[in-house]
Amino acid sequence: MKALFRHTALVLASTSALAGSLAHASEINLYTTREQGLIQPLLEAYTAKTGVKVNTVFLKDGLPERVASEGAKSPADVLMAVDVNALVDLTEKGVTQPIKSAVLDSAIPANLRDAQGNWFALSMRARTLYTVKTGGPTAFTYEDLADPKYKGKVCIRSGQHPYNTALIAHIIAKDGEAKAEQWLRGVKANLARKAGGGDREVARDIMGGVCDLGLANSYYVGLMRSGKGGADQQKWGDAINVVLPTFTKGGTHVNVSGAAIAKHAPNKDNAVKLLEFLVSDEAQAIYAKANYEYPVKKGAAIDPIIAALGPLNVDSIPLTEVAKHRKAASVLVDKVGFDN
């Protein structure tokens, strides 16, 4: 009887452990600074496809600090952020782990992911030129924005905003700090109003005659022209032309949203599978539809509003190289008093 009891107890214990393992394996934990409405369709599609539940913690900021404070007991599996600087911060603060995935390496160009596999871009947005509907330039370089012929004609948001510091960092990566400072001073001299507001306000002010052109992200064109931002913003979007600028020697500047696997991910295998799903044709199309972003995967569907802007030629400098200069970019913005 004692032997039978011990055998039964072992069976029950093994069954319980297996059940716990299966329950554990059927879910993953995502920490993200992305807006819930933008990623929920992706997560629902993943769960429908795999049966794996995604538990999501939405954070406005402080993502690396949150994960670091939780230490080895952190339940986080996937860390998702909306800016390359944030992705690099996660790596530098030691809360990610490198992974190898043939699926990710095949789908994502090398310049849009960490060389060691600590983070991967999942969608892109281009830093575009908004310009007047008639009479504006049809081709443009970022360097042109500092041309004195545009004096008093440029609108732009704060130079310290991550969208702009990323571009300035890209200029530093290509041409060095001295030329980046010269460019920044030239742009400041061309401002029609104090740097500030948001990207959509650039379109608003062009329509209102405050300025003739300015830099803004591509996905705002979709949000405005689709009517998702409301009737007023639809008017702003319809009142401008949009040009995909390039560097004089290079392609268009992009920033990315992306993700990493947490250093102590308890469900690493499923976490990697989520990232692989997010670069599938299905998921890339959802990204394009939900927020008018460019897919990172070549050949994936692009929303018609964004596709109408023309072919996107992404600059080839790795984003990891650009991100190295983000602090220097911020210092330059203050040095030239860009936002004053």
Protein backbone atom coordinates (compact mmCIF):
# COMPACT_ATOMS: atom_id res chain seq x y z
CA MET A 1 0.00 0.00 0.00
CA LYS A 2 2.82 2.39 0.89
CA ALA A 3 4.49 1.68 -2.47
CA LEU A 4 1.20 2.21 -4.27
CA PHE A 5 0.67 5.47 -2.42
CA ARG A 6 4.14 6.71 -3.33
CA HIS A 7 3.58 5.78 -6.99
CA THR A 8 0.22 7.57 -7.05
CA ALA A 9 1.72 10.65 -5.43
CA LEU A 10 4.51 10.75 -7.99
CA VAL A 11 2.02 10.45 -10.86
CA LEU A 12 -0.12 13.24 -9.42
CA ALA A 13 2.91 15.45 -8.87
CA SER A 14 4.17 14.84 -12.40
CA THR A 15 0.72 15.54 -13.85
CA SER A 16 0.45 18.74 -11.85
CA ALA A 17 3.91 19.89 -12.95
CA LEU A 18 3.09 19.11 -16.58
CA ALA A 19 -0.20 21.01 -16.38
CA GLY A 20 1.60 24.00 -14.87
CA SER A 21 4.22 23.82 -17.60
CA LEU A 22 1.59 23.71 -20.32
CA ALA A 23 -0.33 26.64 -18.78
CA HIS A 24 2.93 28.59 -18.54
CA ALA A 25 3.82 27.82 -22.14
CA SER A 26 0.46 28.96 -23.48
CA GLU A 27 0.99 32.62 -22.61
CA ILE A 28 3.57 35.35 -22.88
CA ASN A 29 4.00 38.71 -21.20
CA LEU A 30 4.49 41.87 -23.26
CA TYR A 31 5.69 45.19 -21.84
CA THR A 32 5.12 48.01 -24.31
CA THR A 33 5.06 51.76 -24.73
CA ARG A 34 2.99 51.47 -27.91
CA GLU A 35 -0.62 52.64 -27.76
CA GLN A 36 -3.01 49.80 -26.98
CA GLY A 37 -5.25 50.47 -29.96
CA LEU A 38 -2.34 50.13 -32.37
CA ILE A 39 -1.05 46.76 -31.26
CA GLN A 40 -4.21 45.04 -30.00
CA PRO A 41 -5.23 43.86 -33.51
CA LEU A 42 -1.78 42.27 -33.91
CA LEU A 43 -1.94 40.50 -30.57
CA GLU A 44 -5.44 39.23 -31.22
CA ALA A 45 -4.35 37.88 -34.59
CA TYR A 46 -1.39 36.12 -32.97
CA THR A 47 -3.57 34.52 -30.29
CA ALA A 48 -6.11 33.41 -32.89
CA LYS A 49 -3.35 31.83 -34.96
CA THR A 50 -1.41 30.14 -32.15
CA GLY A 51 -3.68 29.89 -29.12
CA VAL A 52 -1.00 31.69 -27.08
CA LYS A 53 -2.41 34.41 -24.84
CA VAL A 54 -0.55 37.72 -24.67
CA ASN A 55 -0.68 39.47 -21.30
CA THR A 56 0.11 43.13 -21.92
CA VAL A 57 1.49 45.81 -19.60
CA PHE A 58 1.17 49.27 -21.17
CA LEU A 59 3.70 51.85 -20.00
CA LYS A 60 3.91 55.50 -20.95
CA ASP A 61 7.64 55.61 -20.21
CA GLY A 62 10.26 54.07 -17.93
CA LEU A 63 10.26 50.69 -19.67
CA PRO A 64 13.94 49.78 -19.12
CA GLU A 65 13.82 50.99 -15.52
CA ARG A 66 10.71 48.89 -14.82
CA VAL A 67 12.27 45.72 -16.19
CA ALA A 68 15.62 46.37 -14.49
CA SER A 69 13.92 46.90 -11.12
CA GLU A 70 12.15 43.54 -11.45
CA GLY A 71 15.46 41.78 -11.99
CA ALA A 72 15.70 38.05 -12.62
CA LYS A 73 12.11 37.56 -11.42
CA SER A 74 10.67 39.83 -14.11
CA PRO A 75 7.74 38.18 -15.91
CA ALA A 76 8.45 40.19 -19.07
CA ASP A 77 9.04 38.16 -22.22
CA VAL A 78 8.82 40.79 -24.97
CA LEU A 79 9.73 44.48 -24.72
CA MET A 80 8.21 46.72 -27.41
CA ALA A 81 9.12 50.37 -28.02
CA VAL A 82 8.28 53.10 -30.55
CA ASP A 83 11.68 54.60 -31.27
CA VAL A 84 15.13 53.30 -32.14
CA ASN A 85 16.62 55.29 -29.26
CA ALA A 86 14.32 53.47 -26.85
CA LEU A 87 15.31 50.11 -28.33
CA VAL A 88 19.00 50.93 -27.94
CA ASP A 89 18.35 52.12 -24.37
CA LEU A 90 16.89 48.71 -23.54
CA THR A 91 20.05 47.03 -24.77
CA GLU A 92 22.40 49.47 -23.05
CA LYS A 93 20.59 49.02 -19.74
CA GLY A 94 21.09 45.27 -19.98
CA VAL A 95 17.46 44.17 -19.99
CA THR A 96 17.48 42.37 -23.36
CA GLN A 97 19.08 39.17 -24.62
CA PRO A 98 20.48 38.42 -28.08
CA ILE A 99 18.59 35.88 -30.17
CA LYS A 100 19.14 34.25 -33.53
CA SER A 101 16.19 33.75 -35.82
CA ALA A 102 16.45 32.95 -39.52
CA VAL A 103 12.88 34.25 -39.94
CA LEU A 104 13.71 37.66 -38.44
CA ASP A 105 17.04 37.95 -40.24
CA SER A 106 15.38 37.14 -43.55
CA ALA A 107 12.46 39.55 -43.14
CA ILE A 108 14.24 42.55 -41.60
CA PRO A 109 17.07 44.36 -43.44
CA ALA A 110 20.34 44.35 -41.52
CA ASN A 111 20.38 48.14 -41.07
CA LEU A 112 17.02 47.93 -39.23
CA ARG A 113 18.05 45.48 -36.51
CA ASP A 114 20.75 45.08 -33.89
CA ALA A 115 23.74 43.18 -35.26
CA GLN A 116 23.83 40.97 -32.17
CA GLY A 117 20.08 40.31 -32.23
CA ASN A 118 19.18 42.38 -29.17
CA TRP A 119 16.33 44.21 -30.94
CA PHE A 120 14.45 44.12 -34.23
CA ALA A 121 12.49 46.76 -36.15
CA LEU A 122 8.89 45.75 -36.88
CA SER A 123 7.56 48.83 -38.71
CA MET A 124 8.91 52.07 -40.13
CA ARG A 125 7.96 55.70 -40.52
CA ALA A 126 9.70 58.13 -42.86
CA ARG A 127 10.61 61.72 -41.97
CA THR A 128 8.90 63.44 -44.87
CA LEU A 129 8.52 66.95 -46.23
CA TYR A 130 5.10 68.56 -46.05
CA THR A 131 4.80 71.41 -48.53
CA VAL A 132 2.26 73.76 -50.10
CA LYS A 133 -0.20 72.20 -52.49
CA THR A 134 0.97 74.17 -55.49
CA GLY A 135 4.37 75.65 -56.22
CA GLY A 136 6.30 73.63 -53.67
CA PRO A 137 9.32 71.42 -54.39
CA THR A 138 8.67 67.98 -55.88
CA ALA A 139 12.13 66.70 -55.00
CA PHE A 140 14.01 67.62 -51.84
CA THR A 141 17.01 66.78 -49.69
CA TYR A 142 17.19 67.18 -45.94
CA GLU A 143 20.13 69.51 -46.53
CA ASP A 144 17.84 71.80 -48.58
CA LEU A 145 15.90 72.71 -45.44
CA ALA A 146 18.81 74.96 -44.40
CA ASP A 147 18.95 76.77 -47.74
CA PRO A 148 18.51 80.56 -47.18
CA LYS A 149 15.91 80.66 -49.98
CA TYR A 150 13.49 79.12 -47.47
CA LYS A 151 14.01 81.85 -44.87
CA GLY A 152 10.77 82.44 -42.97
CA LYS A 153 9.06 79.52 -44.68
CA VAL A 154 9.74 76.50 -42.44
CA CYS A 155 7.59 74.99 -39.68
CA ILE A 156 8.79 72.16 -37.46
CA ARG A 157 8.15 70.70 -34.03
CA SER A 158 10.66 70.95 -31.15
CA GLY A 159 14.21 70.06 -32.06
CA GLN A 160 14.40 68.04 -28.85
CA HIS A 161 11.56 65.78 -29.90
CA PRO A 162 12.85 62.22 -30.57
CA TYR A 163 11.63 62.42 -34.19
CA ASN A 164 13.98 65.34 -34.80
CA THR A 165 16.92 64.30 -32.64
CA ALA A 166 16.94 61.00 -34.55
CA LEU A 167 17.23 62.90 -37.84
CA ILE A 168 19.96 65.16 -36.45
CA ALA A 169 21.81 62.09 -35.17
CA HIS A 170 21.56 60.65 -38.68
CA ILE A 171 23.13 63.81 -40.11
CA ILE A 172 25.95 63.54 -37.55
CA ALA A 173 26.48 59.90 -38.53
CA LYS A 174 26.79 60.89 -42.20
CA ASP A 175 28.59 64.24 -42.05
CA GLY A 176 29.92 64.84 -38.53
CA GLU A 177 28.91 67.23 -35.75
CA ALA A 178 30.27 70.41 -37.33
CA LYS A 179 28.16 70.07 -40.48
CA ALA A 180 25.14 68.98 -38.43
CA GLU A 181 25.46 72.14 -36.33
CA GLN A 182 25.74 74.28 -39.44
CA TRP A 183 22.62 72.63 -40.86
CA LEU A 184 20.70 73.10 -37.64
CA ARG A 185 21.57 76.79 -37.50
CA GLY A 186 20.44 77.15 -41.10
CA VAL A 187 17.09 75.50 -40.38
CA LYS A 188 16.58 77.69 -37.31
CA ALA A 189 17.24 80.79 -39.43
CA ASN A 190 14.53 79.63 -41.83
CA LEU A 191 11.79 79.10 -39.23
CA ALA A 192 8.49 80.88 -39.80
CA ARG A 193 7.52 80.41 -36.16
CA LYS A 194 9.04 79.05 -32.99
CA ALA A 195 9.76 75.32 -33.17
CA GLY A 196 6.95 73.48 -31.40
CA GLY A 197 3.59 71.79 -31.66
CA GLY A 198 3.25 68.43 -33.37
CA ASP A 199 3.77 67.09 -36.86
CA ARG A 200 0.14 67.56 -37.83
CA GLU A 201 0.38 71.23 -36.87
CA VAL A 202 2.95 71.60 -39.65
CA ALA A 203 0.19 70.69 -42.14
CA ARG A 204 -2.26 72.98 -40.34
CA ASP A 205 0.12 75.93 -40.52
CA ILE A 206 0.93 75.32 -44.17
CA MET A 207 -2.80 75.41 -44.92
CA GLY A 208 -3.06 78.61 -42.86
CA GLY A 209 -0.27 80.33 -44.74
CA VAL A 210 2.11 80.48 -41.75
CA CYS A 211 4.78 78.54 -43.63
CA ASP A 212 5.40 76.79 -46.93
CA LEU A 213 7.07 73.57 -45.83
CA GLY A 214 8.27 71.50 -42.88
CA LEU A 215 9.29 68.05 -41.71
CA ALA A 216 6.79 65.53 -40.36
CA ASN A 217 6.28 61.78 -40.16
CA SER A 218 4.70 59.82 -42.97
CA TYR A 219 2.02 58.04 -40.94
CA TYR A 220 0.38 61.34 -39.98
CA VAL A 221 -0.50 61.73 -43.65
CA GLY A 222 -2.60 58.57 -43.38
CA LEU A 223 -4.18 59.60 -40.10
CA MET A 224 -5.15 63.00 -41.53
CA ARG A 225 -6.24 62.08 -45.04
CA SER A 226 -8.20 59.02 -43.91
CA GLY A 227 -10.35 61.15 -41.62
CA LYS A 228 -9.28 59.19 -38.52
CA GLY A 229 -8.04 62.42 -36.98
CA GLY A 230 -11.32 64.23 -37.58
CA ALA A 231 -12.71 66.57 -40.22
CA ASP A 232 -10.31 69.45 -39.48
CA GLN A 233 -7.25 67.26 -39.77
CA GLN A 234 -8.56 65.76 -43.00
CA LYS A 235 -8.59 69.30 -44.41
CA TRP A 236 -5.00 69.79 -43.25
CA GLY A 237 -3.90 66.57 -44.91
CA ASP A 238 -5.65 67.40 -48.15
CA ALA A 239 -4.11 70.89 -48.21
CA ILE A 240 -0.50 69.70 -48.52
CA ASN A 241 1.76 67.80 -50.84
CA VAL A 242 4.15 65.25 -49.38
CA VAL A 243 7.67 64.56 -50.64
CA LEU A 244 9.99 61.75 -49.53
CA PRO A 245 13.29 63.61 -49.03
CA THR A 246 16.69 61.97 -49.19
CA PHE A 247 20.13 62.94 -48.00
CA THR A 248 22.33 64.45 -50.70
CA LYS A 249 24.34 61.25 -50.54
CA GLY A 250 21.89 58.60 -49.46
CA GLY A 251 18.27 57.65 -48.95
CA THR A 252 15.38 58.66 -46.73
CA HIS A 253 15.65 58.84 -42.94
CA VAL A 254 13.34 56.45 -41.12
CA ASN A 255 12.63 55.68 -37.51
CA VAL A 256 11.17 52.42 -36.34
CA SER A 257 8.98 50.69 -33.84
CA GLY A 258 10.44 47.42 -32.69
CA ALA A 259 10.83 44.80 -30.01
CA ALA A 260 13.35 42.79 -28.03
CA ILE A 261 13.34 39.62 -25.95
CA ALA A 262 13.67 40.36 -22.23
CA LYS A 263 16.84 39.14 -20.55
CA HIS A 264 15.01 36.84 -18.13
CA ALA A 265 12.07 35.94 -20.40
CA PRO A 266 10.30 32.95 -18.79
CA ASN A 267 8.61 32.07 -22.08
CA LYS A 268 11.43 32.76 -24.51
CA ASP A 269 10.41 30.30 -27.25
CA ASN A 270 6.91 31.74 -27.58
CA ALA A 271 8.32 35.25 -27.30
CA VAL A 272 10.54 34.64 -30.32
CA LYS A 273 7.56 33.18 -32.19
CA LEU A 274 5.60 36.38 -31.52
CA LEU A 275 8.37 38.49 -33.06
CA GLU A 276 8.49 36.13 -36.03
CA PHE A 277 4.72 36.47 -36.44
CA LEU A 278 5.02 40.27 -36.35
CA VAL A 279 7.17 40.22 -39.50
CA SER A 280 4.82 37.90 -41.38
CA ASP A 281 2.87 39.24 -44.35
CA GLU A 282 -0.32 39.07 -42.28
CA ALA A 283 1.03 41.10 -39.37
CA GLN A 284 2.87 43.61 -41.53
CA ALA A 285 -0.40 44.33 -43.33
CA ILE A 286 -2.08 44.92 -39.96
CA TYR A 287 0.64 47.42 -39.01
CA ALA A 288 0.03 49.25 -42.29
CA LYS A 289 -3.72 49.35 -41.77
CA ALA A 290 -3.72 50.23 -38.06
CA ASN A 291 -1.32 53.17 -38.14
CA TYR A 292 -0.24 53.80 -41.74
CA GLU A 293 3.28 52.56 -41.06
CA TYR A 294 5.67 51.16 -43.60
CA PRO A 295 6.35 47.42 -43.32
CA VAL A 296 9.94 46.37 -42.72
CA LYS A 297 9.44 43.24 -44.79
CA LYS A 298 10.02 43.75 -48.48
CA GLY A 299 6.92 43.13 -50.56
CA ALA A 300 4.46 43.38 -47.65
CA ALA A 301 1.28 45.37 -48.23
CA ILE A 302 1.39 49.16 -47.81
CA ASP A 303 -1.72 51.24 -47.16
CA PRO A 304 -2.78 52.99 -50.40
CA ILE A 305 -2.52 56.47 -48.86
CA ILE A 306 1.11 55.83 -47.95
CA ALA A 307 1.90 53.93 -51.15
CA ALA A 308 0.75 57.03 -53.08
CA LEU A 309 3.68 58.98 -51.61
CA GLY A 310 5.98 57.03 -53.93
CA PRO A 311 8.72 54.43 -53.44
CA LEU A 312 10.64 54.63 -50.18
CA ASN A 313 14.42 54.37 -50.50
CA VAL A 314 15.63 53.86 -46.92
CA ASP A 315 19.10 55.22 -46.16
CA SER A 316 21.58 52.39 -45.70
CA ILE A 317 23.34 53.56 -42.52
CA PRO A 318 22.49 51.11 -39.70
CA LEU A 319 20.14 52.59 -37.12
CA THR A 320 22.50 51.39 -34.39
CA GLU A 321 25.10 53.78 -35.85
CA VAL A 322 22.58 56.62 -35.96
CA ALA A 323 21.55 55.99 -32.35
CA LYS A 324 25.14 56.40 -31.15
CA HIS A 325 24.84 60.11 -31.87
CA ARG A 326 21.48 60.80 -30.23
CA LYS A 327 23.00 62.48 -27.15
CA ALA A 328 25.25 64.65 -29.31
CA ALA A 329 22.18 65.61 -31.35
CA SER A 330 20.34 66.73 -28.24
CA VAL A 331 23.34 68.79 -27.12
CA LEU A 332 23.45 70.51 -30.53
CA VAL A 333 19.77 71.45 -30.31
CA ASP A 334 20.45 73.29 -27.05
CA LYS A 335 23.75 74.74 -28.28
CA VAL A 336 22.12 76.54 -31.21
CA GLY A 337 19.04 77.48 -29.17
CA PHE A 338 16.83 75.79 -31.73
CA ASP A 339 13.71 75.74 -29.55
CA ASN A 340 14.16 79.26 -28.14
